[in-house]
Amino acid sequence: MSEILVRDSVKSKYAENNHQATVSFRTDSRVKEEAKKLFSSMGMDLSTAINVFLRQSVVDQAMPFLITRESRESIEARRQAESHEGKSFNNTDELMQDLLDA
């Protein structure tokens, strides 16, 4: 079962604020229906999911996910490099030998 963790700072900051605002936007009807099914499987309605997104954005002062034009392969390669996964070489000769052996 999926679980959503709401940071205490978000919960405490907004728990006492009972001011409600209505937000209206347009989206593709198929996207809406697929999103409703997805969030329903997580125990949320669409309104709750959008509120989670908005609150997390405010806490992070950013989108709560990475927006990129990079390919999945590039993202994975960067992740591996940053976490020091994979092979490392002391010089280009070692690198070239490894490439030739592959």
N, C-alpha and C. Protein backbone atom coordinates (compact mmCIF):
# COMPACT_ATOMS: atom_id res chain seq x y z
N MET A 1 0.84 -1.17 0.00
CA MET A 1 0.00 0.00 0.00
C MET A 1 0.89 1.24 0.00
N SER A 2 0.55 2.20 -0.84
CA SER A 2 1.30 3.45 -0.90
C SER A 2 0.95 4.33 0.27
N GLU A 3 1.92 5.10 0.71
CA GLU A 3 1.70 5.98 1.85
C GLU A 3 2.25 7.35 1.51
N ILE A 4 1.50 8.38 1.87
CA ILE A 4 1.95 9.75 1.64
C ILE A 4 2.34 10.34 2.97
N LEU A 5 3.53 10.85 3.05
CA LEU A 5 4.00 11.48 4.27
C LEU A 5 3.90 12.98 4.10
N VAL A 6 3.19 13.63 5.00
CA VAL A 6 3.08 15.08 4.98
C VAL A 6 4.02 15.61 6.04
N ARG A 7 4.93 16.46 5.64
CA ARG A 7 5.89 17.01 6.58
C ARG A 7 5.17 17.79 7.66
N ASP A 8 5.69 17.72 8.90
CA ASP A 8 5.08 18.41 10.03
C ASP A 8 4.93 19.90 9.78
N SER A 9 5.92 20.51 9.13
CA SER A 9 5.85 21.95 8.90
C SER A 9 4.66 22.31 8.02
N VAL A 10 4.36 21.46 7.05
CA VAL A 10 3.20 21.72 6.19
C VAL A 10 1.93 21.51 6.99
N LYS A 11 1.89 20.41 7.71
CA LYS A 11 0.69 20.09 8.47
C LYS A 11 0.38 21.17 9.51
N SER A 12 1.38 21.58 10.26
CA SER A 12 1.13 22.57 11.31
C SER A 12 0.85 23.95 10.73
N LYS A 13 1.52 24.30 9.65
CA LYS A 13 1.33 25.62 9.06
C LYS A 13 -0.06 25.79 8.48
N TYR A 14 -0.60 24.75 7.89
CA TYR A 14 -1.87 24.86 7.20
C TYR A 14 -3.05 24.24 7.95
N ALA A 15 -2.78 23.49 9.01
CA ALA A 15 -3.86 22.83 9.74
C ALA A 15 -4.82 23.82 10.38
N GLU A 16 -4.29 24.95 10.85
CA GLU A 16 -5.13 25.94 11.52
C GLU A 16 -5.78 26.90 10.53
N ASN A 17 -5.36 26.90 9.29
CA ASN A 17 -5.88 27.80 8.28
C ASN A 17 -7.09 27.15 7.61
N ASN A 18 -8.26 27.61 7.94
CA ASN A 18 -9.48 27.04 7.37
C ASN A 18 -9.98 27.83 6.18
N HIS A 19 -9.19 28.73 5.66
CA HIS A 19 -9.59 29.51 4.50
C HIS A 19 -9.49 28.63 3.27
N GLN A 20 -10.58 28.49 2.58
CA GLN A 20 -10.61 27.64 1.39
C GLN A 20 -10.68 28.52 0.14
N ALA A 21 -9.99 28.12 -0.89
CA ALA A 21 -10.05 28.81 -2.18
C ALA A 21 -10.35 27.77 -3.24
N THR A 22 -11.08 28.18 -4.23
CA THR A 22 -11.39 27.29 -5.34
C THR A 22 -10.41 27.58 -6.48
N VAL A 23 -9.84 26.51 -7.01
CA VAL A 23 -8.92 26.62 -8.14
C VAL A 23 -9.54 25.87 -9.30
N SER A 24 -9.57 26.50 -10.44
CA SER A 24 -10.16 25.88 -11.63
C SER A 24 -9.11 25.86 -12.74
N PHE A 25 -8.99 24.73 -13.43
CA PHE A 25 -8.06 24.64 -14.55
C PHE A 25 -8.58 23.62 -15.55
N ARG A 26 -8.04 23.66 -16.74
CA ARG A 26 -8.45 22.73 -17.80
C ARG A 26 -7.35 21.69 -18.00
N THR A 27 -7.81 20.48 -18.27
CA THR A 27 -6.88 19.40 -18.61
C THR A 27 -7.60 18.44 -19.53
N ASP A 28 -6.86 17.60 -20.19
CA ASP A 28 -7.42 16.59 -21.08
C ASP A 28 -8.29 15.65 -20.26
N SER A 29 -9.47 15.32 -20.77
CA SER A 29 -10.40 14.47 -20.01
C SER A 29 -9.82 13.09 -19.74
N ARG A 30 -9.03 12.57 -20.66
CA ARG A 30 -8.41 11.25 -20.43
C ARG A 30 -7.38 11.31 -19.32
N VAL A 31 -6.61 12.40 -19.28
CA VAL A 31 -5.62 12.58 -18.21
C VAL A 31 -6.34 12.66 -16.87
N LYS A 32 -7.43 13.40 -16.83
CA LYS A 32 -8.20 13.54 -15.59
C LYS A 32 -8.68 12.17 -15.11
N GLU A 33 -9.25 11.38 -15.99
CA GLU A 33 -9.78 10.08 -15.59
C GLU A 33 -8.67 9.13 -15.15
N GLU A 34 -7.55 9.14 -15.85
CA GLU A 34 -6.43 8.28 -15.46
C GLU A 34 -5.87 8.72 -14.11
N ALA A 35 -5.78 10.03 -13.90
CA ALA A 35 -5.29 10.55 -12.62
C ALA A 35 -6.24 10.18 -11.49
N LYS A 36 -7.54 10.28 -11.73
CA LYS A 36 -8.53 9.91 -10.70
C LYS A 36 -8.37 8.44 -10.31
N LYS A 37 -8.18 7.57 -11.30
CA LYS A 37 -7.98 6.15 -11.01
C LYS A 37 -6.70 5.92 -10.21
N LEU A 38 -5.63 6.57 -10.64
CA LEU A 38 -4.35 6.44 -9.95
C LEU A 38 -4.47 6.87 -8.49
N PHE A 39 -4.98 8.08 -8.27
CA PHE A 39 -5.05 8.60 -6.91
C PHE A 39 -6.06 7.83 -6.06
N SER A 40 -7.11 7.34 -6.68
CA SER A 40 -8.07 6.50 -5.96
C SER A 40 -7.39 5.24 -5.44
N SER A 41 -6.49 4.67 -6.24
CA SER A 41 -5.76 3.47 -5.81
C SER A 41 -4.84 3.77 -4.64
N MET A 42 -4.54 5.06 -4.43
CA MET A 42 -3.70 5.49 -3.30
C MET A 42 -4.55 6.00 -2.14
N GLY A 43 -5.87 5.90 -2.29
CA GLY A 43 -6.76 6.34 -1.21
C GLY A 43 -7.04 7.83 -1.20
N MET A 44 -6.84 8.50 -2.34
CA MET A 44 -7.07 9.95 -2.41
C MET A 44 -8.01 10.28 -3.55
N ASP A 45 -8.73 11.38 -3.38
CA ASP A 45 -9.45 11.91 -4.52
C ASP A 45 -8.55 12.91 -5.23
N LEU A 46 -9.00 13.41 -6.37
CA LEU A 46 -8.19 14.31 -7.18
C LEU A 46 -7.87 15.60 -6.43
N SER A 47 -8.83 16.12 -5.70
CA SER A 47 -8.63 17.36 -4.95
C SER A 47 -7.52 17.20 -3.90
N THR A 48 -7.54 16.08 -3.19
CA THR A 48 -6.51 15.82 -2.18
C THR A 48 -5.13 15.71 -2.83
N ALA A 49 -5.06 15.00 -3.95
CA ALA A 49 -3.77 14.84 -4.64
C ALA A 49 -3.22 16.18 -5.11
N ILE A 50 -4.08 17.03 -5.63
CA ILE A 50 -3.63 18.35 -6.08
C ILE A 50 -3.18 19.18 -4.89
N ASN A 51 -3.88 19.08 -3.76
CA ASN A 51 -3.47 19.80 -2.55
C ASN A 51 -2.12 19.31 -2.04
N VAL A 52 -1.88 18.01 -2.10
CA VAL A 52 -0.57 17.47 -1.70
C VAL A 52 0.52 18.07 -2.58
N PHE A 53 0.26 18.09 -3.89
CA PHE A 53 1.22 18.68 -4.83
C PHE A 53 1.49 20.15 -4.50
N LEU A 54 0.44 20.94 -4.29
CA LEU A 54 0.61 22.36 -4.01
C LEU A 54 1.36 22.60 -2.71
N ARG A 55 0.99 21.87 -1.67
CA ARG A 55 1.65 22.06 -0.37
C ARG A 55 3.12 21.66 -0.42
N GLN A 56 3.42 20.56 -1.09
CA GLN A 56 4.81 20.13 -1.19
C GLN A 56 5.62 21.14 -2.00
N SER A 57 5.02 21.71 -3.03
CA SER A 57 5.70 22.74 -3.81
C SER A 57 6.04 23.94 -2.95
N VAL A 58 5.11 24.35 -2.08
CA VAL A 58 5.35 25.49 -1.19
C VAL A 58 6.47 25.17 -0.21
N VAL A 59 6.46 23.98 0.38
CA VAL A 59 7.50 23.59 1.34
C VAL A 59 8.87 23.57 0.66
N ASP A 60 8.95 22.97 -0.52
CA ASP A 60 10.22 22.84 -1.23
C ASP A 60 10.62 24.11 -1.96
N GLN A 61 9.67 25.02 -2.13
CA GLN A 61 9.89 26.21 -2.95
C GLN A 61 10.37 25.81 -4.34
N ALA A 62 9.78 24.73 -4.84
CA ALA A 62 10.13 24.20 -6.16
C ALA A 62 9.09 23.16 -6.53
N MET A 63 9.16 22.71 -7.76
CA MET A 63 8.31 21.59 -8.15
C MET A 63 8.77 20.37 -7.35
N PRO A 64 7.85 19.53 -6.90
CA PRO A 64 8.25 18.38 -6.09
C PRO A 64 8.78 17.21 -6.93
N PHE A 65 9.14 17.48 -8.15
CA PHE A 65 9.74 16.47 -9.02
C PHE A 65 10.62 17.19 -10.03
N LEU A 66 11.51 16.45 -10.65
CA LEU A 66 12.45 17.00 -11.61
C LEU A 66 11.78 17.15 -12.97
N ILE A 67 11.85 18.34 -13.52
CA ILE A 67 11.36 18.58 -14.88
C ILE A 67 12.59 18.67 -15.76
N THR A 68 12.65 17.80 -16.75
CA THR A 68 13.86 17.73 -17.56
C THR A 68 13.54 17.33 -18.98
N ARG A 69 14.42 17.64 -19.86
CA ARG A 69 14.31 17.20 -21.25
C ARG A 69 15.30 16.06 -21.49
N GLU A 70 16.04 15.70 -20.48
CA GLU A 70 17.03 14.64 -20.63
C GLU A 70 16.34 13.29 -20.81
N SER A 71 17.04 12.41 -21.50
CA SER A 71 16.52 11.06 -21.66
C SER A 71 16.66 10.30 -20.34
N ARG A 72 15.91 9.24 -20.21
CA ARG A 72 16.01 8.41 -19.01
C ARG A 72 17.42 7.85 -18.84
N GLU A 73 18.05 7.53 -19.97
CA GLU A 73 19.41 6.99 -19.91
C GLU A 73 20.38 8.04 -19.35
N SER A 74 20.22 9.29 -19.77
CA SER A 74 21.09 10.35 -19.26
C SER A 74 20.87 10.59 -17.78
N ILE A 75 19.62 10.56 -17.37
CA ILE A 75 19.30 10.75 -15.96
C ILE A 75 19.91 9.63 -15.13
N GLU A 76 19.79 8.40 -15.61
CA GLU A 76 20.35 7.25 -14.89
C GLU A 76 21.87 7.33 -14.86
N ALA A 77 22.49 7.73 -15.96
CA ALA A 77 23.95 7.85 -16.00
C ALA A 77 24.42 8.91 -15.01
N ARG A 78 23.72 10.03 -14.93
CA ARG A 78 24.11 11.08 -13.98
C ARG A 78 23.94 10.58 -12.55
N ARG A 79 22.83 9.86 -12.29
CA ARG A 79 22.60 9.34 -10.95
C ARG A 79 23.73 8.39 -10.55
N GLN A 80 24.12 7.52 -11.47
CA GLN A 80 25.21 6.58 -11.18
C GLN A 80 26.52 7.32 -10.94
N ALA A 81 26.79 8.33 -11.73
CA ALA A 81 28.03 9.09 -11.57
C ALA A 81 28.04 9.81 -10.22
N GLU A 82 26.92 10.42 -9.86
CA GLU A 82 26.86 11.16 -8.59
C GLU A 82 26.95 10.24 -7.39
N SER A 83 26.48 9.00 -7.54
CA SER A 83 26.54 8.05 -6.42
C SER A 83 27.79 7.17 -6.50
N HIS A 84 28.66 7.47 -7.46
CA HIS A 84 29.93 6.76 -7.64
C HIS A 84 29.73 5.27 -7.92
N GLU A 85 28.64 4.95 -8.62
CA GLU A 85 28.41 3.57 -9.05
C GLU A 85 29.17 3.33 -10.35
N GLY A 86 29.35 2.09 -10.66
CA GLY A 86 29.97 1.76 -11.93
C GLY A 86 31.48 1.71 -11.84
N LYS A 87 32.10 1.60 -13.00
CA LYS A 87 33.55 1.46 -13.07
C LYS A 87 34.22 2.82 -13.06
N SER A 88 35.44 2.83 -12.57
CA SER A 88 36.28 4.03 -12.68
C SER A 88 37.64 3.59 -13.20
N PHE A 89 38.31 4.52 -13.84
CA PHE A 89 39.59 4.20 -14.47
C PHE A 89 40.62 5.24 -14.06
N ASN A 90 41.87 4.80 -13.95
CA ASN A 90 42.95 5.71 -13.58
C ASN A 90 43.48 6.51 -14.76
N ASN A 91 43.26 5.99 -15.97
CA ASN A 91 43.74 6.70 -17.15
C ASN A 91 42.95 6.24 -18.37
N THR A 92 43.18 6.92 -19.48
CA THR A 92 42.42 6.59 -20.70
C THR A 92 42.79 5.23 -21.27
N ASP A 93 44.01 4.78 -21.04
CA ASP A 93 44.40 3.46 -21.53
C ASP A 93 43.53 2.37 -20.89
N GLU A 94 43.32 2.47 -19.57
CA GLU A 94 42.46 1.50 -18.88
C GLU A 94 41.03 1.57 -19.42
N LEU A 95 40.55 2.78 -19.63
CA LEU A 95 39.20 2.95 -20.17
C LEU A 95 39.08 2.31 -21.54
N MET A 96 40.03 2.59 -22.42
CA MET A 96 39.99 2.04 -23.77
C MET A 96 40.08 0.51 -23.75
N GLN A 97 40.91 -0.04 -22.88
CA GLN A 97 41.02 -1.49 -22.79
C GLN A 97 39.70 -2.10 -22.34
N ASP A 98 39.05 -1.46 -21.38
CA ASP A 98 37.75 -1.96 -20.91
C ASP A 98 36.72 -1.91 -22.03
N LEU A 99 36.73 -0.84 -22.80
CA LEU A 99 35.78 -0.73 -23.92
C LEU A 99 36.04 -1.79 -24.97
N LEU A 100 37.31 -2.07 -25.25
CA LEU A 100 37.66 -3.09 -26.25
C LEU A 100 37.31 -4.49 -25.77
N ASP A 101 37.39 -4.71 -24.46
CA ASP A 101 37.08 -6.03 -23.89
C ASP A 101 35.57 -6.29 -23.83
N ALA A 102 34.79 -5.26 -23.91
CA ALA A 102 33.33 -5.41 -23.74
C ALA A 102 32.66 -6.05 -24.92
